[in-house]
């Protein structure tokens, strides 16, 4: 059963922008800055990891969180579709420290003129692609992605460097090669995750203007 509010909250059809790239490529930083520039609603995939409360605690961290099936993409697609129709949605809240959803807690997101959908697999799911008006792939070398992932997961998720490296080699890198990198062909444009953020934003805004999406 859907949990999102049904009322229409935005009368003009929002412009939906998808941003994808490997973990650590810089896609989240780009999405946040672009959301600021466009005064957009930000829709990260991180809310939609499947609840693992049915598993013992020691088994949860061993799951492959880089595989497409780790996300409840059915609900994710439904919510993006509703945002594109000008409706607010109630997103689940995910607790990364225990790999479960917070019971009976939701985060309401109302659409704005722009909605930015961001995640490593944002350009992978076939059901999502027709919902985008514009899409971006952020490209970056493996070593850069790994170093950024180590920094993020140690600071924000309480991980050790060894555990991040092990996960990168076991799942993140092979899943990126199988699912994320091939999705670049679905992007409207590609930017480089090691270039100046201001320059990437300028290129994107210029392209949006050329396509009459501003």
Protein backbone atom coordinates (compact mmCIF):
# COMPACT_ATOMS: atom_id res chain seq x y z
CA UNK A 1 0.00 0.00 0.00
CA UNK A 2 1.30 3.44 -0.90
CA UNK A 3 2.04 5.85 1.94
CA UNK A 4 2.29 9.10 -0.01
CA UNK A 5 -0.26 11.91 0.31
CA UNK A 6 -2.64 11.94 -2.62
CA UNK A 7 -3.32 15.67 -2.86
CA UNK A 8 -1.93 17.66 -5.75
CA UNK A 9 0.66 20.05 -4.33
CA UNK A 10 2.26 21.52 -7.47
CA UNK A 11 0.09 22.68 -10.34
CA UNK A 12 2.78 22.90 -13.04
CA UNK A 13 4.40 19.61 -14.05
CA UNK A 14 7.78 19.47 -12.30
CA UNK A 15 10.96 18.91 -14.32
CA UNK A 16 12.56 15.64 -13.18
CA UNK A 17 16.37 15.43 -13.36
CA UNK A 18 18.24 12.16 -12.76
CA UNK A 19 21.86 12.11 -11.58
CA UNK A 20 23.87 8.87 -11.51
CA UNK A 21 27.49 7.79 -11.16
CA UNK A 22 29.62 5.39 -9.18
CA UNK A 23 29.78 5.68 -5.40
CA UNK A 24 32.31 8.41 -4.65
CA UNK A 25 32.15 9.97 -8.11
CA UNK A 26 30.86 13.29 -6.74
CA UNK A 27 27.24 12.84 -7.82
CA UNK A 28 25.79 13.66 -4.38
CA UNK A 29 27.83 16.87 -4.08
CA UNK A 30 26.76 17.84 -7.59
CA UNK A 31 23.10 17.02 -6.86
CA UNK A 32 23.09 19.13 -3.71
CA UNK A 33 24.68 22.12 -5.41
CA UNK A 34 22.39 21.86 -8.43
CA UNK A 35 19.40 21.63 -6.07
CA UNK A 36 20.55 24.86 -4.44
CA UNK A 37 21.00 26.58 -7.79
CA UNK A 38 17.57 25.50 -9.05
CA UNK A 39 15.75 25.59 -5.71
CA UNK A 40 14.91 21.96 -6.41
CA UNK A 41 13.48 19.16 -4.29
CA UNK A 42 16.22 16.57 -3.69
CA UNK A 43 15.31 12.88 -3.93
CA UNK A 44 18.25 10.62 -2.93
CA UNK A 45 18.02 6.85 -3.35
CA UNK A 46 19.39 6.29 0.18
CA UNK A 47 15.88 6.45 1.65
CA UNK A 48 14.86 3.34 -0.27
CA UNK A 49 17.20 0.57 0.87
CA UNK A 50 15.19 -2.50 1.79
CA UNK A 51 14.51 -3.10 5.47
CA UNK A 52 16.73 -5.88 6.84
CA UNK A 53 15.16 -6.22 10.29
CA UNK A 54 14.25 -9.82 9.46
CA UNK A 55 17.96 -10.74 9.40
CA UNK A 56 20.27 -11.23 12.40
CA UNK A 57 22.28 -8.07 13.09
CA UNK A 58 25.62 -9.65 12.14
CA UNK A 59 24.25 -10.71 8.73
CA UNK A 60 22.87 -7.31 7.72
CA UNK A 61 26.22 -5.65 7.03
CA UNK A 62 27.20 -8.58 4.79
CA UNK A 63 24.47 -7.85 2.24
CA UNK A 64 25.32 -6.47 -1.21
CA UNK A 65 24.14 -2.86 -0.95
CA UNK A 66 25.43 -2.05 -4.44
CA UNK A 67 23.14 -4.50 -6.25
CA UNK A 68 19.94 -3.13 -7.82
CA UNK A 69 17.84 -5.48 -5.66
CA UNK A 70 19.11 -3.84 -2.46
CA UNK A 71 16.73 -0.94 -3.15
CA UNK A 72 12.95 -1.09 -3.07
CA UNK A 73 12.90 0.28 -6.59
CA UNK A 74 9.19 -0.43 -7.05
CA UNK A 75 8.33 2.12 -4.36
CA UNK A 76 11.07 4.44 -5.56
CA UNK A 77 9.66 4.51 -9.11
CA UNK A 78 6.15 5.05 -7.76
CA UNK A 79 7.30 8.03 -5.72
CA UNK A 80 9.20 9.63 -8.61
CA UNK A 81 6.11 9.18 -10.78
CA UNK A 82 3.95 10.90 -8.16
CA UNK A 83 6.40 13.78 -7.81
CA UNK A 84 6.30 14.17 -11.59
CA UNK A 85 2.53 14.47 -11.31
CA UNK A 86 2.88 17.28 -8.78
CA UNK A 87 2.04 15.15 -5.71
CA UNK A 88 3.91 15.02 -2.41
CA UNK A 89 5.32 11.66 -1.21
CA UNK A 90 6.12 10.19 2.21
CA UNK A 91 9.55 8.58 2.01
CA UNK A 92 10.68 5.87 4.44
CA UNK A 93 13.51 6.79 6.83
CA UNK A 94 16.52 4.44 6.79
CA UNK A 95 18.94 3.89 9.67
CA UNK A 96 22.32 2.90 8.19
CA UNK A 97 23.76 2.01 11.60
CA UNK A 98 21.46 -1.03 11.88
CA UNK A 99 20.38 -1.40 8.21
CA UNK A 100 16.67 -1.08 8.94
CA UNK A 101 13.91 1.43 8.34
CA UNK A 102 12.77 3.50 11.28
CA UNK A 103 9.33 2.13 12.19
CA UNK A 104 6.37 4.42 11.57
CA UNK A 105 8.60 7.33 10.56
CA UNK A 106 8.37 9.05 7.16
CA UNK A 107 9.89 12.08 5.52
CA UNK A 108 7.43 14.08 3.43
CA UNK A 109 8.79 15.58 0.23
CA UNK A 110 6.75 18.06 -1.79
CA UNK A 111 7.62 18.67 -5.46
CA UNK A 112 8.98 21.97 -6.69
CA UNK A 113 9.62 23.27 -10.19
CA UNK A 114 12.60 20.87 -10.31
CA UNK A 115 13.02 17.47 -8.66
CA UNK A 116 16.53 15.99 -8.60
CA UNK A 117 16.68 12.18 -8.33
CA UNK A 118 20.15 11.04 -7.22
CA UNK A 119 21.72 7.61 -6.76
CA UNK A 120 24.31 5.25 -8.19
CA UNK A 121 21.53 3.39 -10.02
CA UNK A 122 19.43 6.42 -10.99
CA UNK A 123 19.95 5.63 -14.68
CA UNK A 124 19.76 1.85 -14.37
CA UNK A 125 16.09 1.03 -13.77
CA UNK A 126 14.21 0.98 -17.07
CA UNK A 127 10.97 2.12 -15.38
CA UNK A 128 12.63 5.33 -14.21
CA UNK A 129 14.10 6.49 -17.52
CA UNK A 130 10.83 7.69 -19.13
CA UNK A 131 10.13 9.79 -16.02
CA UNK A 132 13.20 11.98 -16.51
CA UNK A 133 13.17 15.21 -18.48
CA UNK A 134 16.97 15.47 -18.20
CA UNK A 135 19.71 13.22 -16.84
CA UNK A 136 23.38 13.47 -15.88
CA UNK A 137 26.11 10.88 -15.41
CA UNK A 138 29.08 11.82 -13.21
CA UNK A 139 32.26 10.06 -14.30
CA UNK A 140 35.33 9.59 -12.07
CA UNK A 141 38.29 7.14 -11.85
CA UNK A 142 38.07 4.13 -9.51
CA UNK A 143 40.82 5.35 -7.17
CA UNK A 144 39.11 8.69 -6.69
CA UNK A 145 35.79 6.96 -5.97
CA UNK A 146 37.40 4.61 -3.46
CA UNK A 147 39.17 7.38 -1.53
CA UNK A 148 36.01 9.47 -1.34
CA UNK A 149 33.98 6.45 -0.21
CA UNK A 150 36.50 5.70 2.56
CA UNK A 151 36.30 9.27 3.82
CA UNK A 152 32.49 9.33 3.73
CA UNK A 153 31.85 5.95 5.32
CA UNK A 154 34.38 6.44 8.11
CA UNK A 155 32.99 9.87 8.94
CA UNK A 156 29.25 9.33 8.43
CA UNK A 157 28.64 5.60 8.88
CA UNK A 158 31.17 4.53 11.50
CA UNK A 159 33.05 2.19 9.17
CA UNK A 160 36.74 1.28 9.27
CA UNK A 161 39.02 1.86 6.28
CA UNK A 162 39.68 -1.88 5.92
CA UNK A 163 35.96 -2.69 5.85
CA UNK A 164 35.29 -0.01 3.21
CA UNK A 165 38.14 -1.28 1.02
CA UNK A 166 36.93 -4.87 1.37
CA UNK A 167 33.39 -3.93 0.43
CA UNK A 168 34.61 -1.85 -2.51
CA UNK A 169 36.56 -4.80 -3.94
CA UNK A 170 33.86 -7.38 -3.18
CA UNK A 171 30.73 -5.55 -4.32
CA UNK A 172 31.02 -1.83 -5.15
CA UNK A 173 33.54 -2.14 -7.99
CA UNK A 174 32.04 -5.25 -9.68
CA UNK A 175 28.48 -3.90 -9.32
CA UNK A 176 29.58 -0.56 -10.78
CA UNK A 177 31.11 -2.34 -13.75
CA UNK A 178 27.99 -4.45 -14.27
CA UNK A 179 25.21 -1.94 -13.61
CA UNK A 180 26.33 1.65 -13.01
CA UNK A 181 28.93 2.38 -15.69
CA UNK A 182 26.79 0.90 -18.52
CA UNK A 183 23.95 3.24 -17.50
CA UNK A 184 26.01 6.21 -18.68
CA UNK A 185 24.57 5.61 -22.14
CA UNK A 186 21.15 6.63 -20.77
CA UNK A 187 22.32 10.10 -19.71
CA UNK A 188 21.49 13.33 -21.49
CA UNK A 189 25.02 14.51 -20.67
CA UNK A 190 28.15 13.42 -18.79
CA UNK A 191 30.26 15.57 -16.47
CA UNK A 192 33.60 14.72 -14.88
CA UNK A 193 33.58 14.25 -11.12
CA UNK A 194 37.15 15.52 -10.74
CA UNK A 195 36.57 18.85 -12.47
CA UNK A 196 35.53 22.08 -10.78
CA UNK A 197 32.03 21.81 -9.34
CA UNK A 198 31.25 25.34 -10.52
CA UNK A 199 32.25 24.40 -14.07
CA UNK A 200 30.07 21.27 -14.06
CA UNK A 201 27.10 23.29 -12.77
CA UNK A 202 27.65 25.89 -15.48
CA UNK A 203 27.68 23.20 -18.18
CA UNK A 204 24.48 21.67 -16.83
CA UNK A 205 22.63 24.98 -16.57
CA UNK A 206 23.72 25.86 -20.09
CA UNK A 207 22.38 22.54 -21.41
CA UNK A 208 19.10 22.96 -19.51
CA UNK A 209 18.73 26.38 -21.07
CA UNK A 210 19.43 25.02 -24.56
CA UNK A 211 16.71 22.42 -24.04
CA UNK A 212 14.31 25.11 -22.77
CA UNK A 213 14.06 23.47 -19.35
CA UNK A 214 14.84 26.64 -17.39
